[in-house]
Amino acid sequence: MDLRSRHLLVVGGSSGIGFATAKAALAAGARVTIASRSADKLKAAADALGDGATHGVIDVTDDASVERFFAAGTTYDHVVVTAADVRIASIRDITVSEAQAAMNSKFWGIYRVARAAKVAPGGSLGFIAGFRSQRPGPGLALMSAINAAIEGLTRGLALDLRPLRVNAVSPALVDTELWSGMAPDARAAMIAKMAAHYPAGTVGKPEHIADALLMLATNPYATGTVLMLDGGASLV
């Protein structure tokens, strides 16, 4: 993947999959801008990424914040959105307002960025959905619905925005800071259990998903593609 002379924007780039994507893009020669809500986390992430990385604050849940960010007029070659905040629980334990907030974060956040971002000819948009769009489970109805909506949006935008290319990756469990609220022993046990369950014998690492996002971004034949990258989880 050659990204020399390319400028990549990673919304959600201060941690997890987004940070791994920014790091991989820099290694492939890109200039990278990372964006998220927290100025402090962004600065720390940009410092860790080193030369070639810049940062800017954006809140994808807020129309004005997204419009203000892109009003600077910067044109990007590729835009990746990994930012999301979705609670895992039964719908009986999630209020309608909480569900709407989750949809606003992950689905409408992508929608806002897709309509506002300025992308160069030959460029792309890349999103994160999730394999639960195809394999719902107990306590995951909301997540399943949001991920399915993102997959549908990806395919629709590939037509609406062409020749701009639009793709998504749908992973299963990825070992990121998302799980940092768990006790260390409980987290390790969960990771080990899921790794044993998945046919690949491992859960996802941020780098696995980052590589897939950049492959789709740099492949001129890829658009409307939803890549199921789940360690075989959707098979069992």
Protein backbone atom coordinates (compact mmCIF):
# COMPACT_ATOMS: atom_id res chain seq x y z
CA MET A 1 0.00 0.00 0.00
CA ASP A 2 1.72 3.14 -1.23
CA LEU A 3 0.29 6.30 0.31
CA ARG A 4 3.14 8.66 -0.51
CA SER A 5 1.88 12.17 -1.30
CA ARG A 6 -1.57 11.23 0.06
CA HIS A 7 -3.37 12.93 2.95
CA LEU A 8 -5.47 10.68 5.19
CA LEU A 9 -8.02 11.87 7.75
CA VAL A 10 -8.88 9.44 10.55
CA VAL A 11 -11.94 10.49 12.57
CA GLY A 12 -11.56 8.61 15.82
CA GLY A 13 -7.80 8.46 15.37
CA SER A 14 -6.78 9.11 18.95
CA SER A 15 -7.15 5.46 20.03
CA GLY A 16 -7.95 1.90 19.02
CA ILE A 17 -8.56 1.06 15.38
CA GLY A 18 -8.30 4.70 14.38
CA PHE A 19 -4.87 5.15 15.95
CA ALA A 20 -3.65 1.90 14.35
CA THR A 21 -4.94 3.12 10.98
CA ALA A 22 -3.13 6.43 11.35
CA LYS A 23 0.08 4.64 12.33
CA ALA A 24 -0.10 2.26 9.36
CA ALA A 25 -0.85 5.11 6.96
CA LEU A 26 2.17 7.04 8.18
CA ALA A 27 4.31 3.95 7.66
CA ALA A 28 2.98 3.78 4.09
CA GLY A 29 4.10 7.36 3.45
CA ALA A 30 0.91 9.35 4.03
CA ARG A 31 0.39 12.63 5.78
CA VAL A 32 -2.18 11.96 8.48
CA THR A 33 -4.67 14.09 10.36
CA ILE A 34 -6.38 12.53 13.36
CA ALA A 35 -9.59 13.97 14.78
CA SER A 36 -11.85 13.28 17.75
CA ARG A 37 -13.63 15.08 20.57
CA SER A 38 -10.82 15.20 23.15
CA ALA A 39 -8.07 17.73 22.50
CA ASP A 40 -5.87 16.18 25.20
CA LYS A 41 -6.14 12.64 23.79
CA LEU A 42 -5.53 13.97 20.29
CA LYS A 43 -2.34 15.76 21.30
CA ALA A 44 -1.03 12.67 23.09
CA ALA A 45 -1.85 10.48 20.09
CA ALA A 46 -0.28 12.92 17.62
CA ASP A 47 2.86 13.09 19.75
CA ALA A 48 3.02 9.29 19.79
CA LEU A 49 2.58 9.13 16.00
CA GLY A 50 5.36 11.63 15.45
CA ASP A 51 6.29 13.53 12.31
CA GLY A 52 3.66 13.62 9.59
CA ALA A 53 0.70 13.64 11.99
CA THR A 54 -1.51 16.62 12.73
CA HIS A 55 -4.75 16.77 14.70
CA GLY A 56 -8.01 18.65 15.04
CA VAL A 57 -11.06 18.50 17.26
CA ILE A 58 -14.36 17.21 15.86
CA ASP A 59 -17.51 15.95 17.56
CA VAL A 60 -19.32 13.73 15.07
CA THR A 61 -22.51 13.88 17.13
CA ASP A 62 -22.83 17.63 16.51
CA ASP A 63 -23.74 19.16 13.14
CA ALA A 64 -22.01 22.46 13.87
CA SER A 65 -18.77 20.79 14.99
CA VAL A 66 -18.57 18.68 11.83
CA GLU A 67 -19.36 21.62 9.56
CA ARG A 68 -16.84 23.80 11.37
CA PHE A 69 -14.09 21.18 11.04
CA PHE A 70 -14.53 20.80 7.28
CA ALA A 71 -15.09 24.51 6.69
CA ALA A 72 -11.30 24.89 6.75
CA GLY A 73 -11.50 23.62 3.18
CA THR A 74 -8.83 20.91 3.39
CA THR A 75 -9.16 18.26 0.70
CA TYR A 76 -8.25 14.75 1.81
CA ASP A 77 -7.35 11.78 -0.34
CA HIS A 78 -8.94 9.29 2.01
CA VAL A 79 -11.23 9.69 5.03
CA VAL A 80 -11.70 6.91 7.58
CA VAL A 81 -14.29 7.06 10.37
CA THR A 82 -13.83 4.80 13.39
CA ALA A 83 -15.43 6.98 16.08
CA ALA A 84 -18.40 5.43 17.92
CA ASP A 85 -20.00 5.13 21.34
CA VAL A 86 -22.52 2.26 21.56
CA ARG A 87 -23.62 0.63 24.80
CA ILE A 88 -23.96 -3.16 24.91
CA ALA A 89 -27.13 -4.16 26.77
CA SER A 90 -30.62 -5.51 26.25
CA ILE A 91 -33.05 -3.00 24.78
CA ARG A 92 -35.09 -3.30 27.99
CA ASP A 93 -32.11 -1.80 29.78
CA ILE A 94 -31.41 0.95 27.22
CA THR A 95 -33.73 3.93 27.13
CA VAL A 96 -34.92 5.29 23.82
CA SER A 97 -32.83 8.42 24.36
CA GLU A 98 -29.71 6.28 25.01
CA ALA A 99 -30.41 4.27 21.86
CA GLN A 100 -30.83 7.47 19.86
CA ALA A 101 -27.53 8.76 21.25
CA ALA A 102 -25.78 5.57 20.13
CA MET A 103 -27.27 5.88 16.66
CA ASN A 104 -26.26 9.54 16.62
CA SER A 105 -22.69 8.63 17.49
CA LYS A 106 -21.98 5.76 15.10
CA PHE A 107 -24.46 5.99 12.22
CA TRP A 108 -25.26 9.70 12.04
CA GLY A 109 -21.63 10.52 12.83
CA ILE A 110 -20.60 8.69 9.66
CA TYR A 111 -23.43 10.35 7.74
CA ARG A 112 -22.31 13.83 8.83
CA VAL A 113 -18.71 13.23 7.87
CA ALA A 114 -19.65 11.66 4.52
CA ARG A 115 -21.72 14.65 3.46
CA ALA A 116 -19.28 17.31 4.67
CA ALA A 117 -15.81 15.93 3.87
CA LYS A 118 -13.94 17.19 0.83
CA VAL A 119 -12.27 14.23 -0.89
CA ALA A 120 -9.91 14.38 -3.86
CA PRO A 121 -10.68 12.59 -7.16
CA GLY A 122 -9.75 8.94 -6.85
CA GLY A 123 -10.21 9.10 -3.11
CA SER A 124 -12.35 7.13 -0.70
CA LEU A 125 -14.38 6.99 2.47
CA GLY A 126 -13.95 4.08 4.87
CA PHE A 127 -16.16 3.10 7.80
CA ILE A 128 -16.31 0.58 10.63
CA ALA A 129 -19.51 -1.47 10.94
CA GLY A 130 -19.51 -4.89 12.64
CA PHE A 131 -20.28 -8.56 12.03
CA ARG A 132 -23.27 -8.42 14.38
CA SER A 133 -25.13 -6.86 11.45
CA GLN A 134 -25.36 -10.46 10.22
CA ARG A 135 -25.13 -12.37 13.50
CA PRO A 136 -27.13 -10.67 16.26
CA GLY A 137 -26.97 -12.02 19.77
CA PRO A 138 -28.57 -11.44 23.18
CA GLY A 139 -28.05 -7.85 24.32
CA LEU A 140 -26.83 -6.82 20.88
CA ALA A 141 -30.00 -5.79 19.05
CA LEU A 142 -29.10 -2.10 19.03
CA MET A 143 -25.53 -2.76 17.87
CA SER A 144 -26.81 -5.14 15.19
CA ALA A 145 -29.25 -2.55 13.87
CA ILE A 146 -26.67 0.24 13.78
CA ASN A 147 -24.07 -1.90 12.02
CA ALA A 148 -26.63 -3.09 9.45
CA ALA A 149 -27.58 0.54 8.80
CA ILE A 150 -23.93 1.45 8.23
CA GLU A 151 -23.49 -1.40 5.77
CA GLY A 152 -26.56 -0.23 3.87
CA LEU A 153 -25.34 3.36 3.92
CA THR A 154 -21.95 2.25 2.57
CA ARG A 155 -23.52 0.59 -0.46
CA GLY A 156 -25.87 3.49 -1.09
CA LEU A 157 -23.15 6.13 -0.83
CA ALA A 158 -20.98 4.20 -3.27
CA LEU A 159 -23.67 5.01 -5.84
CA ASP A 160 -24.64 8.48 -4.64
CA LEU A 161 -21.06 9.77 -4.37
CA ARG A 162 -19.37 8.01 -7.28
CA PRO A 163 -16.68 8.21 -8.52
CA LEU A 164 -15.73 8.67 -4.85
CA ARG A 165 -15.29 5.15 -3.47
CA VAL A 166 -17.02 4.11 -0.24
CA ASN A 167 -16.24 0.94 1.74
CA ALA A 168 -16.59 -0.54 5.21
CA VAL A 169 -15.00 -3.21 7.37
CA SER A 170 -17.17 -5.34 9.67
CA PRO A 171 -15.05 -6.91 12.42
CA ALA A 172 -15.94 -9.13 15.34
CA LEU A 173 -14.30 -8.56 18.74
CA VAL A 174 -11.24 -6.33 18.51
CA ASP A 175 -8.92 -6.00 21.50
CA THR A 176 -8.85 -2.22 21.99
CA GLU A 177 -9.18 0.34 24.78
CA LEU A 178 -12.96 -0.08 24.46
CA TRP A 179 -12.62 -2.90 26.99
CA SER A 180 -10.33 -1.04 29.40
CA GLY A 181 -13.19 -0.55 31.87
CA MET A 182 -13.17 -4.28 32.63
CA ALA A 183 -11.06 -5.75 35.39
CA PRO A 184 -7.81 -7.04 33.85
CA ASP A 185 -8.51 -10.67 34.72
CA ALA A 186 -12.05 -10.50 33.34
CA ARG A 187 -10.83 -8.86 30.15
CA ALA A 188 -8.12 -11.47 29.65
CA ALA A 189 -10.64 -14.26 30.24
CA MET A 190 -13.08 -12.78 27.74
CA ILE A 191 -10.36 -12.39 25.09
CA ALA A 192 -9.16 -15.96 25.62
CA LYS A 193 -12.69 -17.36 25.47
CA MET A 194 -13.54 -15.58 22.22
CA ALA A 195 -10.19 -16.47 20.65
CA ALA A 196 -10.87 -20.13 21.35
CA HIS A 197 -14.35 -19.79 19.86
CA TYR A 198 -13.34 -18.05 16.63
CA PRO A 199 -12.11 -20.35 13.84
CA ALA A 200 -9.07 -18.10 13.32
CA GLY A 201 -7.98 -18.83 16.88
CA THR A 202 -7.57 -15.16 17.74
CA VAL A 203 -9.62 -12.05 18.29
CA GLY A 204 -8.94 -9.01 16.16
CA LYS A 205 -6.11 -6.60 16.79
CA PRO A 206 -6.41 -2.94 15.79
CA GLU A 207 -3.65 -3.50 13.22
CA HIS A 208 -5.69 -6.20 11.47
CA ILE A 209 -8.56 -3.81 10.88
CA ALA A 210 -6.28 -0.91 9.98
CA ASP A 211 -4.63 -2.98 7.23
CA ALA A 212 -8.04 -3.82 5.78
CA LEU A 213 -9.21 -0.21 5.83
CA LEU A 214 -6.09 0.93 4.00
CA MET A 215 -6.32 -1.93 1.49
CA LEU A 216 -9.83 -0.80 0.57
CA ALA A 217 -8.72 2.84 0.44
CA THR A 218 -5.87 2.15 -1.96
CA ASN A 219 -7.59 -0.42 -4.21
CA PRO A 220 -9.24 1.44 -7.12
CA TYR A 221 -11.55 -1.53 -7.76
CA ALA A 222 -13.08 -1.45 -4.26
CA THR A 223 -16.32 0.45 -3.75
CA GLY A 224 -19.56 -0.52 -2.10
CA THR A 225 -17.56 -3.27 -0.44
CA VAL A 226 -18.40 -4.42 3.08
CA LEU A 227 -15.50 -6.60 4.16
CA MET A 228 -16.42 -9.15 6.83
CA LEU A 229 -13.17 -9.45 8.79
CA ASP A 230 -14.25 -11.38 11.84
CA GLY A 231 -11.88 -14.29 12.41
CA GLY A 232 -14.64 -16.58 11.20
CA ALA A 233 -16.97 -15.53 14.02
CA SER A 234 -19.94 -15.24 11.66
CA LEU A 235 -19.52 -18.92 10.77
CA VAL A 236 -19.98 -20.36 14.25
